[in-house]
């Protein structure tokens, strides 16, 4: 077997996070610097951090609030269809019939 094929193991590796938290673990590196750890990661803390540079969250919230204010004044599709059907039912129906000598119009009331 070859000697020195495995890297050196450091049982007291210090891991330090940007938030200030640090802990000791084992690794092949003597010191590790990380940006997120279990003390500051949203999954573990339950706190939500939103990094929104394009204002997408604010725009979405504005759309939702605008929709809620306009929704009570708008009519739905079924209401509009029912109103059109009612107007059509009230119209007078004209039926044209061909007679041999003249064309006469007969008016029918639809009920």
PDB file of N, CA and C in Angstrom:
ATOM      1  N   UNK A   1       0.824  -1.191   0.000  1.00  0.00           N
ATOM      2  CA  UNK A   1       0.000   0.000   0.000  1.00  0.00           C
ATOM      3  C   UNK A   1       0.865   1.250   0.000  1.00  0.00           C
ATOM      4  N   UNK A   2       0.375   2.292  -0.654  1.00  0.00           N
ATOM      5  CA  UNK A   2       1.123   3.540  -0.706  1.00  0.00           C
ATOM      6  C   UNK A   2       0.932   4.315   0.583  1.00  0.00           C
ATOM      7  N   UNK A   3       1.967   5.012   0.983  1.00  0.00           N
ATOM      8  CA  UNK A   3       1.878   5.864   2.155  1.00  0.00           C
ATOM      9  C   UNK A   3       1.502   7.282   1.724  1.00  0.00           C
ATOM     10  N   UNK A   4       0.915   8.039   2.630  1.00  0.00           N
ATOM     11  CA  UNK A   4       0.547   9.443   2.423  1.00  0.00           C
ATOM     12  C   UNK A   4      -0.459   9.660   1.279  1.00  0.00           C
ATOM     13  N   UNK A   5      -1.401   8.741   1.088  1.00  0.00           N
ATOM     14  CA  UNK A   5      -2.425   8.940   0.052  1.00  0.00           C
ATOM     15  C   UNK A   5      -3.621   9.719   0.591  1.00  0.00           C
ATOM     16  N   UNK A   6      -3.822   9.664   1.906  1.00  0.00           N
ATOM     17  CA  UNK A   6      -4.958  10.365   2.499  1.00  0.00           C
ATOM     18  C   UNK A   6      -4.501  11.709   3.041  1.00  0.00           C
ATOM     19  N   UNK A   7      -5.369  12.734   2.962  1.00  0.00           N
ATOM     20  CA  UNK A   7      -5.000  14.043   3.520  1.00  0.00           C
ATOM     21  C   UNK A   7      -4.987  13.995   5.047  1.00  0.00           C
ATOM     22  N   UNK A   8      -4.333  14.966   5.637  1.00  0.00           N
ATOM     23  CA  UNK A   8      -4.242  15.026   7.083  1.00  0.00           C
ATOM     24  C   UNK A   8      -5.603  15.409   7.662  1.00  0.00           C
ATOM     25  N   UNK A   9      -6.004  14.741   8.738  1.00  0.00           N
ATOM     26  CA  UNK A   9      -7.289  14.988   9.385  1.00  0.00           C
ATOM     27  C   UNK A   9      -7.063  15.827  10.630  1.00  0.00           C
ATOM     28  N   UNK A  10      -7.838  16.917  10.726  1.00  0.00           N
ATOM     29  CA  UNK A  10      -7.765  17.807  11.883  1.00  0.00           C
ATOM     30  C   UNK A  10      -9.018  17.577  12.738  1.00  0.00           C
ATOM     31  N   UNK A  11      -8.870  16.967  13.898  1.00  0.00           N
ATOM     32  CA  UNK A  11     -10.060  16.695  14.729  1.00  0.00           C
ATOM     33  C   UNK A  11     -10.626  17.949  15.401  1.00  0.00           C
ATOM     34  N   UNK A  12      -9.846  19.010  15.495  1.00  0.00           N
ATOM     35  CA  UNK A  12     -10.303  20.254  16.123  1.00  0.00           C
ATOM     36  C   UNK A  12     -10.353  21.397  15.109  1.00  0.00           C
ATOM     37  N   UNK A  13     -11.075  21.189  14.013  1.00  0.00           N
ATOM     38  CA  UNK A  13     -11.245  22.220  12.988  1.00  0.00           C
ATOM     39  C   UNK A  13     -12.248  23.258  13.479  1.00  0.00           C
ATOM     40  N   UNK A  14     -11.866  24.533  13.402  1.00  0.00           N
ATOM     41  CA  UNK A  14     -12.752  25.606  13.846  1.00  0.00           C
ATOM     42  C   UNK A  14     -13.538  26.135  12.647  1.00  0.00           C
ATOM     43  N   UNK A  15     -14.864  26.100  12.766  1.00  0.00           N
ATOM     44  CA  UNK A  15     -15.746  26.619  11.730  1.00  0.00           C
ATOM     45  C   UNK A  15     -16.314  27.931  12.239  1.00  0.00           C
ATOM     46  N   UNK A  16     -16.111  29.015  11.480  1.00  0.00           N
ATOM     47  CA  UNK A  16     -16.623  30.320  11.895  1.00  0.00           C
ATOM     48  C   UNK A  16     -17.547  30.864  10.803  1.00  0.00           C
ATOM     49  N   UNK A  17     -18.668  31.419  11.253  1.00  0.00           N
ATOM     50  CA  UNK A  17     -19.687  31.947  10.343  1.00  0.00           C
ATOM     51  C   UNK A  17     -19.622  33.467  10.329  1.00  0.00           C
ATOM     52  N   UNK A  18     -20.218  34.070   9.302  1.00  0.00           N
ATOM     53  CA  UNK A  18     -20.268  35.515   9.164  1.00  0.00           C
ATOM     54  C   UNK A  18     -21.105  36.131  10.285  1.00  0.00           C
ATOM     55  N   UNK A  19     -22.092  35.402  10.771  1.00  0.00           N
ATOM     56  CA  UNK A  19     -22.965  35.930  11.827  1.00  0.00           C
ATOM     57  C   UNK A  19     -22.272  35.985  13.183  1.00  0.00           C
ATOM     58  N   UNK A  20     -21.100  35.358  13.312  1.00  0.00           N
ATOM     59  CA  UNK A  20     -20.358  35.387  14.566  1.00  0.00           C
ATOM     60  C   UNK A  20     -20.344  34.053  15.288  1.00  0.00           C
ATOM     61  N   UNK A  21     -21.165  33.117  14.862  1.00  0.00           N
ATOM     62  CA  UNK A  21     -21.216  31.801  15.488  1.00  0.00           C
ATOM     63  C   UNK A  21     -19.986  30.992  15.074  1.00  0.00           C
ATOM     64  N   UNK A  22     -19.430  30.222  16.000  1.00  0.00           N
ATOM     65  CA  UNK A  22     -18.308  29.344  15.670  1.00  0.00           C
ATOM     66  C   UNK A  22     -18.444  28.059  16.471  1.00  0.00           C
ATOM     67  N   UNK A  23     -17.947  26.960  15.883  1.00  0.00           N
ATOM     68  CA  UNK A  23     -17.991  25.670  16.549  1.00  0.00           C
ATOM     69  C   UNK A  23     -16.822  24.823  16.074  1.00  0.00           C
ATOM     70  N   UNK A  24     -16.571  23.737  16.793  1.00  0.00           N
ATOM     71  CA  UNK A  24     -15.444  22.846  16.495  1.00  0.00           C
ATOM     72  C   UNK A  24     -15.983  21.554  15.895  1.00  0.00           C
ATOM     73  N   UNK A  25     -15.321  21.093  14.844  1.00  0.00           N
ATOM     74  CA  UNK A  25     -15.681  19.834  14.191  1.00  0.00           C
ATOM     75  C   UNK A  25     -14.422  19.201  13.631  1.00  0.00           C
ATOM     76  N   UNK A  26     -14.538  18.074  12.990  1.00  0.00           N
ATOM     77  CA  UNK A  26     -13.397  17.421  12.367  1.00  0.00           C
ATOM     78  C   UNK A  26     -13.419  17.614  10.871  1.00  0.00           C
ATOM     79  N   UNK A  27     -12.252  17.867  10.270  1.00  0.00           N
ATOM     80  CA  UNK A  27     -12.180  18.102   8.834  1.00  0.00           C
ATOM     81  C   UNK A  27     -10.745  17.920   8.353  1.00  0.00           C
ATOM     82  N   UNK A  28     -10.580  17.981   7.043  1.00  0.00           N
ATOM     83  CA  UNK A  28      -9.240  17.926   6.464  1.00  0.00           C
ATOM     84  C   UNK A  28      -8.635  19.319   6.352  1.00  0.00           C
ATOM     85  N   UNK A  29      -9.388  20.345   6.716  1.00  0.00           N
ATOM     86  CA  UNK A  29      -8.908  21.728   6.744  1.00  0.00           C
ATOM     87  C   UNK A  29      -8.775  22.170   8.199  1.00  0.00           C
ATOM     88  N   UNK A  30      -7.769  22.961   8.535  1.00  0.00           N
ATOM     89  CA  UNK A  30      -7.631  23.386   9.937  1.00  0.00           C
ATOM     90  C   UNK A  30      -8.654  24.456  10.346  1.00  0.00           C
ATOM     91  N   UNK A  31      -9.122  25.277   9.381  1.00  0.00           N
ATOM     92  CA  UNK A  31     -10.082  26.334   9.685  1.00  0.00           C
ATOM     93  C   UNK A  31     -11.006  26.534   8.486  1.00  0.00           C
ATOM     94  N   UNK A  32     -12.312  26.660   8.748  1.00  0.00           N
ATOM     95  CA  UNK A  32     -13.305  26.840   7.687  1.00  0.00           C
ATOM     96  C   UNK A  32     -14.115  28.093   7.993  1.00  0.00           C
ATOM     97  N   UNK A  33     -14.317  28.944   6.966  1.00  0.00           N
ATOM     98  CA  UNK A  33     -15.154  30.139   7.109  1.00  0.00           C
ATOM     99  C   UNK A  33     -16.364  29.975   6.196  1.00  0.00           C
ATOM    100  N   UNK A  34     -17.573  30.127   6.762  1.00  0.00           N
ATOM    101  CA  UNK A  34     -18.810  29.949   6.009  1.00  0.00           C
ATOM    102  C   UNK A  34     -19.678  31.195   6.110  1.00  0.00           C
ATOM    103  N   UNK A  35     -20.621  31.322   5.161  1.00  0.00           N
ATOM    104  CA  UNK A  35     -21.540  32.457   5.159  1.00  0.00           C
ATOM    105  C   UNK A  35     -22.820  32.158   5.920  1.00  0.00           C
ATOM    106  N   UNK A  36     -23.259  30.906   5.909  1.00  0.00           N
ATOM    107  CA  UNK A  36     -24.482  30.504   6.595  1.00  0.00           C
ATOM    108  C   UNK A  36     -24.194  29.316   7.490  1.00  0.00           C
ATOM    109  N   UNK A  37     -24.799  29.312   8.671  1.00  0.00           N
ATOM    110  CA  UNK A  37     -24.674  28.167   9.570  1.00  0.00           C
ATOM    111  C   UNK A  37     -26.052  27.856  10.140  1.00  0.00           C
ATOM    112  N   UNK A  38     -26.123  26.884  11.029  1.00  0.00           N
ATOM    113  CA  UNK A  38     -27.417  26.504  11.588  1.00  0.00           C
ATOM    114  C   UNK A  38     -27.985  27.583  12.505  1.00  0.00           C
ATOM    115  N   UNK A  39     -27.162  28.515  12.978  1.00  0.00           N
ATOM    116  CA  UNK A  39     -27.647  29.587  13.846  1.00  0.00           C
ATOM    117  C   UNK A  39     -28.297  30.722  13.062  1.00  0.00           C
ATOM    118  N   UNK A  40     -27.931  30.888  11.778  1.00  0.00           N
ATOM    119  CA  UNK A  40     -28.479  32.005  11.016  1.00  0.00           C
ATOM    120  C   UNK A  40     -29.239  31.581   9.758  1.00  0.00           C
ATOM    121  N   UNK A  41     -29.282  30.292   9.428  1.00  0.00           N
ATOM    122  CA  UNK A  41     -29.991  29.838   8.227  1.00  0.00           C
ATOM    123  C   UNK A  41     -31.500  29.885   8.469  1.00  0.00           C
ATOM    124  N   UNK A  42     -32.284  30.422   7.520  1.00  0.00           N
ATOM    125  CA  UNK A  42     -33.736  30.554   7.714  1.00  0.00           C
ATOM    126  C   UNK A  42     -34.444  29.219   7.943  1.00  0.00           C
ATOM    127  N   UNK A  43     -33.945  28.138   7.387  1.00  0.00           N
ATOM    128  CA  UNK A  43     -34.584  26.826   7.570  1.00  0.00           C
ATOM    129  C   UNK A  43     -34.541  26.405   9.030  1.00  0.00           C
ATOM    130  N   UNK A  44     -33.434  26.675   9.703  1.00  0.00           N
ATOM    131  CA  UNK A  44     -33.278  26.260  11.094  1.00  0.00           C
ATOM    132  C   UNK A  44     -33.842  27.278  12.076  1.00  0.00           C
ATOM    133  N   UNK A  45     -33.793  28.542  11.735  1.00  0.00           N
ATOM    134  CA  UNK A  45     -34.246  29.573  12.676  1.00  0.00           C
ATOM    135  C   UNK A  45     -35.742  29.841  12.551  1.00  0.00           C
ATOM    136  N   UNK A  46     -36.322  29.585  11.379  1.00  0.00           N
ATOM    137  CA  UNK A  46     -37.741  29.876  11.172  1.00  0.00           C
ATOM    138  C   UNK A  46     -38.002  31.316  10.797  1.00  0.00           C
ATOM    139  N   UNK A  47     -36.978  32.139  10.726  1.00  0.00           N
ATOM    140  CA  UNK A  47     -37.121  33.539  10.336  1.00  0.00           C
ATOM    141  C   UNK A  47     -36.863  33.649   8.846  1.00  0.00           C
ATOM    142  N   UNK A  48     -37.717  34.377   8.181  1.00  0.00           N
ATOM    143  CA  UNK A  48     -37.591  34.512   6.740  1.00  0.00           C
ATOM    144  C   UNK A  48     -36.838  35.790   6.410  1.00  0.00           C
ATOM    145  N   UNK A  49     -35.774  35.654   5.632  1.00  0.00           N
ATOM    146  CA  UNK A  49     -35.032  36.822   5.169  1.00  0.00           C
ATOM    147  C   UNK A  49     -35.291  36.950   3.676  1.00  0.00           C
ATOM    148  N   UNK A  50     -35.797  38.099   3.263  1.00  0.00           N
ATOM    149  CA  UNK A  50     -36.036  38.329   1.849  1.00  0.00           C
ATOM    150  C   UNK A  50     -35.020  39.332   1.334  1.00  0.00           C
ATOM    151  N   UNK A  51     -34.267  38.918   0.342  1.00  0.00           N
ATOM    152  CA  UNK A  51     -33.341  39.815  -0.315  1.00  0.00           C
ATOM    153  C   UNK A  51     -33.977  40.133  -1.661  1.00  0.00           C
ATOM    154  N   UNK A  52     -34.624  41.278  -1.729  1.00  0.00           N
ATOM    155  CA  UNK A  52     -35.401  41.637  -2.900  1.00  0.00           C
ATOM    156  C   UNK A  52     -34.861  42.940  -3.475  1.00  0.00           C
ATOM    157  N   UNK A  53     -34.025  42.818  -4.490  1.00  0.00           N
ATOM    158  CA  UNK A  53     -33.428  44.014  -5.070  1.00  0.00           C
ATOM    159  C   UNK A  53     -34.315  44.626  -6.142  1.00  0.00           C
ATOM    160  N   UNK A  54     -35.202  43.846  -6.747  1.00  0.00           N
ATOM    161  CA  UNK A  54     -36.026  44.356  -7.844  1.00  0.00           C
ATOM    162  C   UNK A  54     -37.442  44.704  -7.384  1.00  0.00           C
ATOM    163  N   UNK A  55     -37.705  44.748  -6.071  1.00  0.00           N
ATOM    164  CA  UNK A  55     -39.009  45.085  -5.506  1.00  0.00           C
ATOM    165  C   UNK A  55     -40.101  44.131  -5.964  1.00  0.00           C
ATOM    166  N   UNK A  56     -39.775  42.880  -6.234  1.00  0.00           N
ATOM    167  CA  UNK A  56     -40.766  41.927  -6.729  1.00  0.00           C
ATOM    168  C   UNK A  56     -41.826  41.624  -5.684  1.00  0.00           C
ATOM    169  N   UNK A  57     -41.420  41.508  -4.429  1.00  0.00           N
ATOM    170  CA  UNK A  57     -42.372  41.202  -3.364  1.00  0.00           C
ATOM    171  C   UNK A  57     -43.345  42.360  -3.186  1.00  0.00           C
ATOM    172  N   UNK A  58     -42.852  43.583  -3.202  1.00  0.00           N
ATOM    173  CA  UNK A  58     -43.719  44.755  -3.059  1.00  0.00           C
ATOM    174  C   UNK A  58     -44.677  44.879  -4.237  1.00  0.00           C
ATOM    175  N   UNK A  59     -44.201  44.600  -5.447  1.00  0.00           N
ATOM    176  CA  UNK A  59     -45.068  44.658  -6.617  1.00  0.00           C
ATOM    177  C   UNK A  59     -46.174  43.618  -6.535  1.00  0.00           C
ATOM    178  N   UNK A  60     -45.819  42.403  -6.084  1.00  0.00           N
ATOM    179  CA  UNK A  60     -46.821  41.349  -5.944  1.00  0.00           C
ATOM    180  C   UNK A  60     -47.860  41.729  -4.889  1.00  0.00           C
ATOM    181  N   UNK A  61     -47.416  42.274  -3.778  1.00  0.00           N
ATOM    182  CA  UNK A  61     -48.343  42.691  -2.722  1.00  0.00           C
ATOM    183  C   UNK A  61     -49.279  43.791  -3.235  1.00  0.00           C
ATOM    184  N   UNK A  62     -48.761  44.695  -4.054  1.00  0.00           N
ATOM    185  CA  UNK A  62     -49.593  45.757  -4.617  1.00  0.00           C
ATOM    186  C   UNK A  62     -50.639  45.182  -5.563  1.00  0.00           C
ATOM    187  N   UNK A  63     -50.260  44.194  -6.378  1.00  0.00           N
ATOM    188  CA  UNK A  63     -51.213  43.555  -7.286  1.00  0.00           C
ATOM    189  C   UNK A  63     -52.330  42.879  -6.508  1.00  0.00           C
ATOM    190  N   UNK A  64     -51.970  42.164  -5.456  1.00  0.00           N
ATOM    191  CA  UNK A  64     -52.965  41.441  -4.661  1.00  0.00           C
ATOM    192  C   UNK A  64     -53.922  42.415  -3.992  1.00  0.00           C
ATOM    193  N   UNK A  65     -53.404  43.507  -3.430  1.00  0.00           N
ATOM    194  CA  UNK A  65     -54.274  44.483  -2.778  1.00  0.00           C
ATOM    195  C   UNK A  65     -55.171  45.184  -3.795  1.00  0.00           C
ATOM    196  N   UNK A  66     -54.662  45.463  -4.988  1.00  0.00           N
ATOM    197  CA  UNK A  66     -55.478  46.088  -6.029  1.00  0.00           C
ATOM    198  C   UNK A  66     -56.582  45.139  -6.480  1.00  0.00           C
ATOM    199  N   UNK A  67     -56.271  43.871  -6.560  1.00  0.00           N
ATOM    200  CA  UNK A  67     -57.262  42.875  -6.969  1.00  0.00           C
ATOM    201  C   UNK A  67     -58.385  42.788  -5.941  1.00  0.00           C
ATOM    202  N   UNK A  68     -58.041  42.859  -4.658  1.00  0.00           N
ATOM    203  CA  UNK A  68     -59.051  42.781  -3.599  1.00  0.00           C
ATOM    204  C   UNK A  68     -59.969  43.997  -3.598  1.00  0.00           C
ATOM    205  N   UNK A  69     -59.460  45.159  -3.968  1.00  0.00           N
ATOM    206  CA  UNK A  69     -60.296  46.359  -3.964  1.00  0.00           C
ATOM    207  C   UNK A  69     -61.192  46.423  -5.195  1.00  0.00           C
ATOM    208  N   UNK A  70     -60.760  45.868  -6.325  1.00  0.00           N
ATOM    209  CA  UNK A  70     -61.529  45.916  -7.562  1.00  0.00           C
ATOM    210  C   UNK A  70     -62.528  44.759  -7.632  1.00  0.00           C
ATOM    211  N   UNK A  71     -62.240  43.638  -7.002  1.00  0.00           N
ATOM    212  CA  UNK A  71     -63.050  42.432  -7.117  1.00  0.00           C
ATOM    213  C   UNK A  71     -64.522  42.621  -6.733  1.00  0.00           C
ATOM    214  N   UNK A  72     -64.874  43.343  -5.669  1.00  0.00           N
ATOM    215  CA  UNK A  72     -66.299  43.467  -5.332  1.00  0.00           C
ATOM    216  C   UNK A  72     -67.122  44.201  -6.392  1.00  0.00           C
ATOM    217  N   UNK A  73     -66.509  45.091  -7.169  1.00  0.00           N
ATOM    218  CA  UNK A  73     -67.257  45.852  -8.162  1.00  0.00           C
ATOM    219  C   UNK A  73     -67.395  45.113  -9.487  1.00  0.00           C
ATOM    220  N   UNK A  74     -66.556  44.133  -9.746  1.00  0.00           N
ATOM    221  CA  UNK A  74     -66.602  43.405 -11.005  1.00  0.00           C
ATOM    222  C   UNK A  74     -67.646  42.307 -10.939  1.00  0.00           C
ATOM    223  N   UNK A  75     -68.285  42.050 -12.079  1.00  0.00           N
ATOM    224  CA  UNK A  75     -69.250  40.965 -12.171  1.00  0.00           C
ATOM    225  C   UNK A  75     -68.545  39.727 -12.708  1.00  0.00           C
ATOM    226  N   UNK A  76     -69.028  38.579 -12.304  1.00  0.00           N
ATOM    227  CA  UNK A  76     -68.451  37.331 -12.764  1.00  0.00           C
ATOM    228  C   UNK A  76     -68.973  36.937 -14.132  1.00  0.00           C
ATOM    229  N   UNK A  77     -68.383  35.919 -14.699  1.00  0.00           N
ATOM    230  CA  UNK A  77     -68.747  35.459 -16.028  1.00  0.00           C
ATOM    231  C   UNK A  77     -70.175  34.913 -16.047  1.00  0.00           C
ATOM    232  N   UNK A  78     -70.578  34.176 -15.028  1.00  0.00           N
ATOM    233  CA  UNK A  78     -71.918  33.586 -14.986  1.00  0.00           C
ATOM    234  C   UNK A  78     -72.996  34.669 -14.895  1.00  0.00           C
ATOM    235  N   UNK A  79     -72.710  35.715 -14.126  1.00  0.00           N
ATOM    236  CA  UNK A  79     -73.677  36.810 -13.990  1.00  0.00           C
ATOM    237  C   UNK A  79     -73.856  37.521 -15.325  1.00  0.00           C
ATOM    238  N   UNK A  80     -72.746  37.747 -16.024  1.00  0.00           N
ATOM    239  CA  UNK A  80     -72.822  38.412 -17.332  1.00  0.00           C
ATOM    240  C   UNK A  80     -73.588  37.562 -18.335  1.00  0.00           C
ATOM    241  N   UNK A  81     -73.335  36.250 -18.348  1.00  0.00           N
ATOM    242  CA  UNK A  81     -74.049  35.353 -19.269  1.00  0.00           C
ATOM    243  C   UNK A  81     -75.539  35.342 -18.980  1.00  0.00           C
ATOM    244  N   UNK A  82     -75.909  35.307 -17.720  1.00  0.00           N
ATOM    245  CA  UNK A  82     -77.324  35.298 -17.345  1.00  0.00           C
ATOM    246  C   UNK A  82     -78.006  36.582 -17.789  1.00  0.00           C
ATOM    247  N   UNK A  83     -77.327  37.716 -17.646  1.00  0.00           N
ATOM    248  CA  UNK A  83     -77.896  38.993 -18.066  1.00  0.00           C
ATOM    249  C   UNK A  83     -78.094  39.031 -19.581  1.00  0.00           C
ATOM    250  N   UNK A  84     -77.119  38.534 -20.345  1.00  0.00           N
ATOM    251  CA  UNK A  84     -77.256  38.499 -21.805  1.00  0.00           C
ATOM    252  C   UNK A  84     -78.396  37.581 -22.230  1.00  0.00           C
ATOM    253  N   UNK A  85     -78.534  36.425 -21.563  1.00  0.00           N
ATOM    254  CA  UNK A  85     -79.602  35.492 -21.892  1.00  0.00           C
ATOM    255  C   UNK A  85     -80.966  36.101 -21.598  1.00  0.00           C
ATOM    256  N   UNK A  86     -81.057  36.874 -20.535  1.00  0.00           N
ATOM    257  CA  UNK A  86     -82.315  37.525 -20.179  1.00  0.00           C
ATOM    258  C   UNK A  86     -82.690  38.573 -21.215  1.00  0.00           C
ATOM    259  N   UNK A  87     -81.705  39.329 -21.704  1.00  0.00           N
ATOM    260  CA  UNK A  87     -81.959  40.352 -22.732  1.00  0.00           C
ATOM    261  C   UNK A  87     -82.399  39.675 -24.024  1.00  0.00           C
ATOM    262  N   UNK A  88     -81.755  38.564 -24.383  1.00  0.00           N
ATOM    263  CA  UNK A  88     -82.139  37.845 -25.593  1.00  0.00           C
ATOM    264  C   UNK A  88     -83.549  37.281 -25.482  1.00  0.00           C
ATOM    265  N   UNK A  89     -83.931  36.830 -24.297  1.00  0.00           N
ATOM    266  CA  UNK A  89     -85.264  36.253 -24.108  1.00  0.00           C
ATOM    267  C   UNK A  89     -86.350  37.309 -24.248  1.00  0.00           C
ATOM    268  N   UNK A  90     -86.032  38.547 -23.919  1.00  0.00           N
ATOM    269  CA  UNK A  90     -87.026  39.621 -23.992  1.00  0.00           C
ATOM    270  C   UNK A  90     -87.192  40.166 -25.409  1.00  0.00           C
ATOM    271  N   UNK A  91     -86.256  39.883 -26.308  1.00  0.00           N
ATOM    272  CA  UNK A  91     -86.334  40.404 -27.671  1.00  0.00           C
ATOM    273  C   UNK A  91     -87.506  39.768 -28.417  1.00  0.00           C
ATOM    274  N   UNK A  92     -88.023  40.504 -29.360  1.00  0.00           N
ATOM    275  CA  UNK A  92     -89.114  40.017 -30.191  1.00  0.00           C
ATOM    276  C   UNK A  92     -88.517  39.250 -31.364  1.00  0.00           C
ATOM    277  N   UNK A  93     -89.077  38.076 -31.651  1.00  0.00           N
ATOM    278  CA  UNK A  93     -88.573  37.230 -32.729  1.00  0.00           C
ATOM    279  C   UNK A  93     -89.364  37.514 -33.990  1.00  0.00           C
ATOM    280  N   UNK A  94     -88.659  37.741 -35.095  1.00  0.00           N
ATOM    281  CA  UNK A  94     -89.300  38.001 -36.376  1.00  0.00           C
ATOM    282  C   UNK A  94     -88.995  36.827 -37.292  1.00  0.00           C
ATOM    283  N   UNK A  95     -90.053  36.193 -37.803  1.00  0.00           N
ATOM    284  CA  UNK A  95     -89.891  35.054 -38.703  1.00  0.00           C
ATOM    285  C   UNK A  95     -90.393  35.476 -40.076  1.00  0.00           C
ATOM    286  N   UNK A  96     -89.559  35.276 -41.087  1.00  0.00           N
ATOM    287  CA  UNK A  96     -89.955  35.632 -42.447  1.00  0.00           C
ATOM    288  C   UNK A  96     -90.415  34.354 -43.151  1.00  0.00           C
ATOM    289  N   UNK A  97     -91.562  34.437 -43.788  1.00  0.00           N
ATOM    290  CA  UNK A  97     -92.082  33.286 -44.535  1.00  0.00           C
ATOM    291  C   UNK A  97     -92.250  33.691 -45.993  1.00  0.00           C
ATOM    292  N   UNK A  98     -92.053  32.741 -46.866  1.00  0.00           N
ATOM    293  CA  UNK A  98     -92.224  33.009 -48.290  1.00  0.00           C
ATOM    294  C   UNK A  98     -93.618  32.544 -48.714  1.00  0.00           C
ATOM    295  N   UNK A  99     -94.295  33.438 -49.317  1.00  0.00           N
ATOM    296  CA  UNK A  99     -95.590  33.094 -49.891  1.00  0.00           C
ATOM    297  C   UNK A  99     -95.390  33.118 -51.398  1.00  0.00           C
ATOM    298  N   UNK A 100     -96.278  32.508 -52.110  1.00  0.00           N
ATOM    299  CA  UNK A 100     -96.103  32.463 -53.552  1.00  0.00           C
ATOM    300  C   UNK A 100     -96.135  33.853 -54.183  1.00  0.00           C
ATOM    301  N   UNK A 101     -96.974  34.719 -53.706  1.00  0.00           N
ATOM    302  CA  UNK A 101     -97.105  36.010 -54.332  1.00  0.00           C
ATOM    303  C   UNK A 101     -96.424  37.143 -53.566  1.00  0.00           C
ATOM    304  N   UNK A 102     -96.313  37.035 -52.213  1.00  0.00           N
ATOM    305  CA  UNK A 102     -95.737  38.139 -51.449  1.00  0.00           C
ATOM    306  C   UNK A 102     -94.995  37.605 -50.219  1.00  0.00           C
ATOM    307  N   UNK A 103     -94.149  38.424 -49.684  1.00  0.00           N
ATOM    308  CA  UNK A 103     -93.386  38.089 -48.484  1.00  0.00           C
ATOM    309  C   UNK A 103     -94.039  38.829 -47.325  1.00  0.00           C
ATOM    310  N   UNK A 104     -94.446  38.069 -46.349  1.00  0.00           N
ATOM    311  CA  UNK A 104     -95.083  38.707 -45.193  1.00  0.00           C
ATOM    312  C   UNK A 104     -94.251  38.414 -43.942  1.00  0.00           C
ATOM    313  N   UNK A 105     -94.332  39.299 -43.010  1.00  0.00           N
ATOM    314  CA  UNK A 105     -93.600  39.115 -41.763  1.00  0.00           C
ATOM    315  C   UNK A 105     -94.582  38.781 -40.661  1.00  0.00           C
ATOM    316  N   UNK A 106     -94.237  37.755 -39.930  1.00  0.00           N
ATOM    317  CA  UNK A 106     -95.063  37.341 -38.819  1.00  0.00           C
ATOM    318  C   UNK A 106     -94.266  37.581 -37.548  1.00  0.00           C
ATOM    319  N   UNK A 107     -94.869  38.272 -36.604  1.00  0.00           N
ATOM    320  CA  UNK A 107     -94.178  38.564 -35.355  1.00  0.00           C
ATOM    321  C   UNK A 107     -94.650  37.597 -34.286  1.00  0.00           C
ATOM    322  N   UNK A 108     -93.678  36.977 -33.601  1.00  0.00           N
ATOM    323  CA  UNK A 108     -93.995  36.051 -32.520  1.00  0.00           C
ATOM    324  C   UNK A 108     -93.376  36.554 -31.249  1.00  0.00           C
ATOM    325  N   UNK A 109     -94.059  36.375 -30.147  1.00  0.00           N
ATOM    326  CA  UNK A 109     -93.493  36.706 -28.841  1.00  0.00           C
ATOM    327  C   UNK A 109     -93.013  35.412 -28.188  1.00  0.00           C
ATOM    328  N   UNK A 110     -91.755  35.411 -27.832  1.00  0.00           N
ATOM    329  CA  UNK A 110     -91.166  34.234 -27.210  1.00  0.00           C
ATOM    330  C   UNK A 110     -91.437  34.295 -25.715  1.00  0.00           C
ATOM    331  N   UNK A 111     -91.873  33.183 -25.137  1.00  0.00           N
ATOM    332  CA  UNK A 111     -92.165  33.165 -23.704  1.00  0.00           C
ATOM    333  C   UNK A 111     -91.225  32.254 -22.982  1.00  0.00           C
TER     334      UNK A 111
END
